Amino acid sequence: MLGSDAIVNPHAPIAGMHDGVFPFKVCEALASGALLITTRLPPVGLPLERSVLEYDGSVTGLLAALEAAPARYHEAEAEIATLRQSLMGMYSEDALYERLRLLLGRHVNAAGSEIAPHGD
């Protein structure tokens, strides 16, 4: 994904899940720093307006989005980079480890030793 210029997500809402949940694959795509070309996504509390290029789900719509993608990426490159950094801060291995470490506090693991800092 890191080598991609754009990532296409033909998202389809799931009615049984109240029109779907925000798919983690979208976070992965955005964290890659590529432009995300997608059908309409549910609200997620992230500033996606300029970091995604929405299309209507049709082949014609996708072709138009692909044609518009280079210009859109150029216009929104700074916002895409900022969103990427934000997502990396939330979901990177180190970020998740730190959150879990804080949640667990200084609990003792099964071997009786304290939780070591990441990398030890």
N, C-alpha and C. Protein backbone atom coordinates (compact mmCIF):
# COMPACT_ATOMS: atom_id res chain seq x y z
N MET A 1 0.82 -1.19 0.00
CA MET A 1 0.00 0.00 0.00
C MET A 1 0.87 1.26 0.00
N LEU A 2 2.02 1.20 0.66
CA LEU A 2 2.86 2.39 0.75
C LEU A 2 3.35 2.86 -0.60
N GLY A 3 3.38 1.99 -1.59
CA GLY A 3 3.84 2.37 -2.93
C GLY A 3 2.72 2.82 -3.84
N SER A 4 1.52 2.91 -3.34
CA SER A 4 0.36 3.26 -4.17
C SER A 4 0.15 4.77 -4.22
N ASP A 5 -0.31 5.24 -5.38
CA ASP A 5 -0.67 6.65 -5.52
C ASP A 5 -2.10 6.88 -5.05
N ALA A 6 -2.94 5.87 -5.28
CA ALA A 6 -4.35 5.96 -4.87
C ALA A 6 -4.83 4.55 -4.54
N ILE A 7 -5.82 4.48 -3.66
CA ILE A 7 -6.41 3.20 -3.27
C ILE A 7 -7.91 3.33 -3.45
N VAL A 8 -8.50 2.32 -4.12
CA VAL A 8 -9.93 2.34 -4.40
C VAL A 8 -10.65 1.46 -3.39
N ASN A 9 -11.69 2.02 -2.79
CA ASN A 9 -12.50 1.32 -1.80
C ASN A 9 -13.97 1.38 -2.23
N PRO A 10 -14.46 0.34 -2.89
CA PRO A 10 -15.88 0.33 -3.29
C PRO A 10 -16.75 -0.13 -2.13
N HIS A 11 -16.82 0.70 -1.09
CA HIS A 11 -17.54 0.40 0.14
C HIS A 11 -19.03 0.27 -0.11
N ALA A 12 -19.63 -0.76 0.47
CA ALA A 12 -21.09 -0.93 0.41
C ALA A 12 -21.61 -1.03 1.84
N PRO A 13 -22.53 -0.13 2.24
CA PRO A 13 -23.08 -0.19 3.59
C PRO A 13 -23.79 -1.52 3.86
N ILE A 14 -23.71 -1.98 5.08
CA ILE A 14 -24.36 -3.22 5.49
C ILE A 14 -25.57 -2.84 6.33
N ALA A 15 -26.76 -3.06 5.78
CA ALA A 15 -27.99 -2.62 6.45
C ALA A 15 -28.12 -3.21 7.85
N GLY A 16 -27.74 -4.46 8.04
CA GLY A 16 -27.84 -5.11 9.34
C GLY A 16 -26.92 -4.51 10.39
N MET A 17 -25.99 -3.69 9.96
CA MET A 17 -25.07 -3.02 10.89
C MET A 17 -25.32 -1.51 10.86
N HIS A 18 -26.58 -1.13 10.69
CA HIS A 18 -26.97 0.28 10.64
C HIS A 18 -26.17 1.02 9.57
N ASP A 19 -26.14 0.46 8.37
CA ASP A 19 -25.42 0.99 7.21
C ASP A 19 -23.91 0.88 7.34
N GLY A 20 -23.46 -0.06 8.12
CA GLY A 20 -22.05 -0.37 8.16
C GLY A 20 -21.29 0.39 9.22
N VAL A 21 -20.12 -0.10 9.50
CA VAL A 21 -19.21 0.55 10.42
C VAL A 21 -18.02 1.04 9.61
N PHE A 22 -17.27 1.95 10.17
CA PHE A 22 -16.10 2.45 9.46
C PHE A 22 -15.09 1.32 9.34
N PRO A 23 -14.80 0.88 8.12
CA PRO A 23 -13.91 -0.27 7.95
C PRO A 23 -12.45 0.07 8.24
N PHE A 24 -11.78 -0.83 8.94
CA PHE A 24 -10.38 -0.59 9.27
C PHE A 24 -9.53 -0.48 8.02
N LYS A 25 -9.96 -1.14 6.93
CA LYS A 25 -9.19 -1.05 5.68
C LYS A 25 -9.10 0.40 5.21
N VAL A 26 -10.08 1.22 5.56
CA VAL A 26 -10.03 2.64 5.20
C VAL A 26 -8.92 3.32 5.99
N CYS A 27 -8.80 3.01 7.27
CA CYS A 27 -7.71 3.57 8.08
C CYS A 27 -6.36 3.13 7.52
N GLU A 28 -6.25 1.88 7.12
CA GLU A 28 -5.00 1.39 6.53
C GLU A 28 -4.67 2.15 5.26
N ALA A 29 -5.67 2.37 4.42
CA ALA A 29 -5.45 3.09 3.17
C ALA A 29 -5.01 4.53 3.46
N LEU A 30 -5.69 5.19 4.37
CA LEU A 30 -5.35 6.57 4.70
C LEU A 30 -3.98 6.67 5.37
N ALA A 31 -3.62 5.68 6.17
CA ALA A 31 -2.32 5.68 6.83
C ALA A 31 -1.18 5.44 5.84
N SER A 32 -1.50 4.95 4.66
CA SER A 32 -0.47 4.75 3.64
C SER A 32 -0.04 6.06 3.02
N GLY A 33 -0.86 7.10 3.16
CA GLY A 33 -0.54 8.39 2.55
C GLY A 33 -1.03 8.53 1.13
N ALA A 34 -1.74 7.53 0.65
CA ALA A 34 -2.30 7.59 -0.71
C ALA A 34 -3.66 8.30 -0.67
N LEU A 35 -4.10 8.77 -1.83
CA LEU A 35 -5.44 9.31 -1.95
C LEU A 35 -6.41 8.14 -1.92
N LEU A 36 -7.46 8.25 -1.14
CA LEU A 36 -8.47 7.20 -1.08
C LEU A 36 -9.62 7.58 -1.99
N ILE A 37 -9.91 6.71 -2.95
CA ILE A 37 -11.06 6.88 -3.84
C ILE A 37 -12.10 5.89 -3.35
N THR A 38 -13.25 6.39 -2.92
CA THR A 38 -14.21 5.53 -2.25
C THR A 38 -15.65 5.94 -2.52
N THR A 39 -16.54 5.00 -2.35
CA THR A 39 -17.95 5.33 -2.29
C THR A 39 -18.18 5.99 -0.92
N ARG A 40 -19.36 6.53 -0.72
CA ARG A 40 -19.65 7.28 0.51
C ARG A 40 -19.38 6.44 1.75
N LEU A 41 -18.72 7.06 2.71
CA LEU A 41 -18.38 6.42 3.98
C LEU A 41 -19.26 6.98 5.09
N PRO A 42 -19.50 6.19 6.12
CA PRO A 42 -20.23 6.72 7.28
C PRO A 42 -19.34 7.73 8.02
N PRO A 43 -19.93 8.63 8.80
CA PRO A 43 -19.11 9.57 9.57
C PRO A 43 -18.26 8.84 10.59
N VAL A 44 -17.02 9.32 10.75
CA VAL A 44 -16.09 8.63 11.65
C VAL A 44 -15.34 9.54 12.60
N GLY A 45 -15.58 10.82 12.52
CA GLY A 45 -14.88 11.73 13.41
C GLY A 45 -13.48 12.07 12.96
N LEU A 46 -13.15 11.81 11.72
CA LEU A 46 -11.86 12.17 11.16
C LEU A 46 -12.09 13.19 10.04
N PRO A 47 -11.14 14.09 9.81
CA PRO A 47 -11.30 15.08 8.74
C PRO A 47 -11.01 14.46 7.37
N LEU A 48 -12.02 13.84 6.78
CA LEU A 48 -11.83 13.13 5.51
C LEU A 48 -12.16 13.95 4.27
N GLU A 49 -12.77 15.11 4.45
CA GLU A 49 -13.32 15.85 3.33
C GLU A 49 -12.35 16.00 2.16
N ARG A 50 -11.10 16.33 2.43
CA ARG A 50 -10.14 16.55 1.34
C ARG A 50 -9.21 15.35 1.14
N SER A 51 -9.23 14.41 2.06
CA SER A 51 -8.33 13.27 1.98
C SER A 51 -8.91 12.09 1.21
N VAL A 52 -10.18 12.18 0.89
CA VAL A 52 -10.82 11.13 0.10
C VAL A 52 -11.50 11.76 -1.11
N LEU A 53 -11.62 10.99 -2.15
CA LEU A 53 -12.34 11.40 -3.34
C LEU A 53 -13.48 10.41 -3.50
N GLU A 54 -14.70 10.90 -3.28
CA GLU A 54 -15.85 10.00 -3.34
C GLU A 54 -16.39 9.87 -4.76
N TYR A 55 -16.90 8.69 -5.05
CA TYR A 55 -17.60 8.46 -6.31
C TYR A 55 -18.88 7.70 -6.01
N ASP A 56 -19.77 7.62 -6.98
CA ASP A 56 -21.12 7.09 -6.76
C ASP A 56 -21.24 5.57 -6.82
N GLY A 57 -20.16 4.85 -7.04
CA GLY A 57 -20.22 3.40 -7.10
C GLY A 57 -20.35 2.85 -8.52
N SER A 58 -20.58 3.72 -9.48
CA SER A 58 -20.72 3.27 -10.87
C SER A 58 -19.35 3.20 -11.54
N VAL A 59 -19.27 2.45 -12.63
CA VAL A 59 -18.02 2.37 -13.40
C VAL A 59 -17.68 3.75 -13.96
N THR A 60 -18.68 4.45 -14.46
CA THR A 60 -18.46 5.79 -14.99
C THR A 60 -17.94 6.72 -13.90
N GLY A 61 -18.52 6.64 -12.71
CA GLY A 61 -18.08 7.45 -11.59
C GLY A 61 -16.65 7.13 -11.18
N LEU A 62 -16.31 5.85 -11.18
CA LEU A 62 -14.96 5.44 -10.82
C LEU A 62 -13.95 5.96 -11.85
N LEU A 63 -14.29 5.85 -13.12
CA LEU A 63 -13.39 6.35 -14.16
C LEU A 63 -13.18 7.85 -14.03
N ALA A 64 -14.24 8.58 -13.74
CA ALA A 64 -14.12 10.03 -13.54
C ALA A 64 -13.26 10.34 -12.32
N ALA A 65 -13.42 9.58 -11.24
CA ALA A 65 -12.62 9.78 -10.04
C ALA A 65 -11.15 9.48 -10.31
N LEU A 66 -10.88 8.41 -11.05
CA LEU A 66 -9.50 8.08 -11.38
C LEU A 66 -8.85 9.18 -12.23
N GLU A 67 -9.64 9.76 -13.11
CA GLU A 67 -9.13 10.85 -13.94
C GLU A 67 -8.84 12.10 -13.09
N ALA A 68 -9.68 12.36 -12.10
CA ALA A 68 -9.52 13.54 -11.24
C ALA A 68 -8.49 13.33 -10.13
N ALA A 69 -8.10 12.09 -9.89
CA ALA A 69 -7.25 11.76 -8.74
C ALA A 69 -5.92 12.50 -8.69
N PRO A 70 -5.15 12.58 -9.78
CA PRO A 70 -3.85 13.28 -9.66
C PRO A 70 -3.98 14.73 -9.20
N ALA A 71 -4.94 15.45 -9.77
CA ALA A 71 -5.13 16.85 -9.37
C ALA A 71 -5.61 16.93 -7.92
N ARG A 72 -6.51 16.06 -7.53
CA ARG A 72 -7.02 16.07 -6.15
C ARG A 72 -5.92 15.79 -5.16
N TYR A 73 -5.07 14.80 -5.47
CA TYR A 73 -3.96 14.49 -4.58
C TYR A 73 -3.04 15.70 -4.44
N HIS A 74 -2.72 16.34 -5.55
CA HIS A 74 -1.84 17.50 -5.52
C HIS A 74 -2.45 18.61 -4.65
N GLU A 75 -3.75 18.83 -4.76
CA GLU A 75 -4.43 19.87 -3.98
C GLU A 75 -4.48 19.54 -2.49
N ALA A 76 -4.61 18.28 -2.16
CA ALA A 76 -4.85 17.86 -0.77
C ALA A 76 -3.66 17.15 -0.14
N GLU A 77 -2.51 17.22 -0.76
CA GLU A 77 -1.35 16.47 -0.27
C GLU A 77 -1.02 16.77 1.19
N ALA A 78 -1.09 18.03 1.61
CA ALA A 78 -0.78 18.38 2.99
C ALA A 78 -1.80 17.78 3.96
N GLU A 79 -3.09 17.85 3.61
CA GLU A 79 -4.14 17.27 4.47
C GLU A 79 -4.00 15.76 4.56
N ILE A 80 -3.66 15.13 3.44
CA ILE A 80 -3.47 13.67 3.43
C ILE A 80 -2.29 13.29 4.34
N ALA A 81 -1.21 14.06 4.27
CA ALA A 81 -0.04 13.78 5.11
C ALA A 81 -0.38 13.98 6.59
N THR A 82 -1.14 15.02 6.90
CA THR A 82 -1.54 15.27 8.29
C THR A 82 -2.42 14.15 8.82
N LEU A 83 -3.38 13.71 8.02
CA LEU A 83 -4.25 12.61 8.42
C LEU A 83 -3.45 11.33 8.60
N ARG A 84 -2.49 11.08 7.72
CA ARG A 84 -1.63 9.90 7.84
C ARG A 84 -0.90 9.92 9.17
N GLN A 85 -0.31 11.06 9.53
CA GLN A 85 0.42 11.16 10.80
C GLN A 85 -0.51 10.94 11.98
N SER A 86 -1.71 11.48 11.90
CA SER A 86 -2.69 11.30 12.97
C SER A 86 -3.04 9.83 13.15
N LEU A 87 -3.29 9.14 12.05
CA LEU A 87 -3.63 7.72 12.12
C LEU A 87 -2.45 6.89 12.61
N MET A 88 -1.25 7.24 12.20
CA MET A 88 -0.07 6.52 12.69
C MET A 88 0.07 6.72 14.19
N GLY A 89 -0.28 7.91 14.67
CA GLY A 89 -0.22 8.18 16.10
C GLY A 89 -1.25 7.39 16.89
N MET A 90 -2.34 7.00 16.22
CA MET A 90 -3.39 6.23 16.89
C MET A 90 -3.20 4.73 16.76
N TYR A 91 -2.71 4.27 15.60
CA TYR A 91 -2.76 2.84 15.30
C TYR A 91 -1.41 2.17 15.03
N SER A 92 -0.31 2.88 15.12
CA SER A 92 0.98 2.22 14.87
C SER A 92 1.24 1.20 15.98
N GLU A 93 2.18 0.33 15.75
CA GLU A 93 2.53 -0.68 16.76
C GLU A 93 2.93 -0.01 18.07
N ASP A 94 3.76 1.02 17.98
CA ASP A 94 4.21 1.70 19.20
C ASP A 94 3.05 2.40 19.91
N ALA A 95 2.15 3.03 19.13
CA ALA A 95 1.02 3.73 19.74
C ALA A 95 0.09 2.75 20.46
N LEU A 96 -0.19 1.64 19.82
CA LEU A 96 -1.06 0.64 20.46
C LEU A 96 -0.39 0.03 21.68
N TYR A 97 0.89 -0.25 21.58
CA TYR A 97 1.61 -0.80 22.72
C TYR A 97 1.54 0.16 23.90
N GLU A 98 1.78 1.44 23.63
CA GLU A 98 1.77 2.43 24.71
C GLU A 98 0.40 2.53 25.36
N ARG A 99 -0.66 2.50 24.54
CA ARG A 99 -2.01 2.55 25.11
C ARG A 99 -2.28 1.34 25.98
N LEU A 100 -1.90 0.16 25.51
CA LEU A 100 -2.10 -1.05 26.30
C LEU A 100 -1.26 -1.01 27.58
N ARG A 101 -0.03 -0.52 27.47
CA ARG A 101 0.83 -0.43 28.64
C ARG A 101 0.22 0.48 29.69
N LEU A 102 -0.32 1.60 29.25
CA LEU A 102 -0.95 2.53 30.19
C LEU A 102 -2.22 1.92 30.80
N LEU A 103 -3.00 1.22 29.98
CA LEU A 103 -4.21 0.59 30.49
C LEU A 103 -3.90 -0.49 31.52
N LEU A 104 -2.86 -1.23 31.25
CA LEU A 104 -2.49 -2.31 32.17
C LEU A 104 -1.76 -1.79 33.40
N GLY A 105 -1.27 -0.55 33.29
CA GLY A 105 -0.53 0.03 34.41
C GLY A 105 0.71 -0.77 34.72
N ARG A 106 0.93 -1.02 35.97
CA ARG A 106 2.13 -1.74 36.38
C ARG A 106 1.77 -3.17 36.80
N HIS A 107 0.74 -3.74 36.14
CA HIS A 107 0.34 -5.11 36.48
C HIS A 107 1.47 -6.08 36.22
N VAL A 108 1.42 -7.14 36.91
CA VAL A 108 2.44 -8.17 36.79
C VAL A 108 1.97 -9.22 35.80
N ASN A 109 2.87 -9.62 34.90
CA ASN A 109 2.50 -10.66 33.94
C ASN A 109 2.55 -12.04 34.59
N ALA A 110 2.22 -13.05 33.85
CA ALA A 110 2.12 -14.41 34.40
C ALA A 110 3.44 -14.91 34.99
N ALA A 111 4.58 -14.42 34.50
CA ALA A 111 5.88 -14.87 35.01
C ALA A 111 6.29 -14.11 36.27
N GLY A 112 5.51 -13.11 36.65
CA GLY A 112 5.82 -12.38 37.86
C GLY A 112 6.66 -11.13 37.66
N SER A 113 6.98 -10.81 36.42
CA SER A 113 7.77 -9.60 36.20
C SER A 113 6.89 -8.48 35.66
N GLU A 114 7.35 -7.24 35.87
CA GLU A 114 6.57 -6.09 35.40
C GLU A 114 6.65 -6.00 33.88
N ILE A 115 5.69 -5.29 33.31
CA ILE A 115 5.67 -5.10 31.87
C ILE A 115 6.85 -4.22 31.49
N ALA A 116 7.66 -4.72 30.57
CA ALA A 116 8.86 -3.98 30.16
C ALA A 116 8.51 -2.93 29.10
N PRO A 117 9.29 -1.87 29.02
CA PRO A 117 9.09 -0.90 27.94
C PRO A 117 9.23 -1.59 26.58
N HIS A 118 8.56 -1.07 25.57
CA HIS A 118 8.59 -1.65 24.23
C HIS A 118 10.04 -1.74 23.74
N GLY A 119 10.41 -2.89 23.20
CA GLY A 119 11.75 -3.08 22.66
C GLY A 119 12.69 -3.76 23.65
N ASP A 120 12.30 -3.88 24.89
CA ASP A 120 13.15 -4.55 25.87
C ASP A 120 12.90 -6.04 25.89
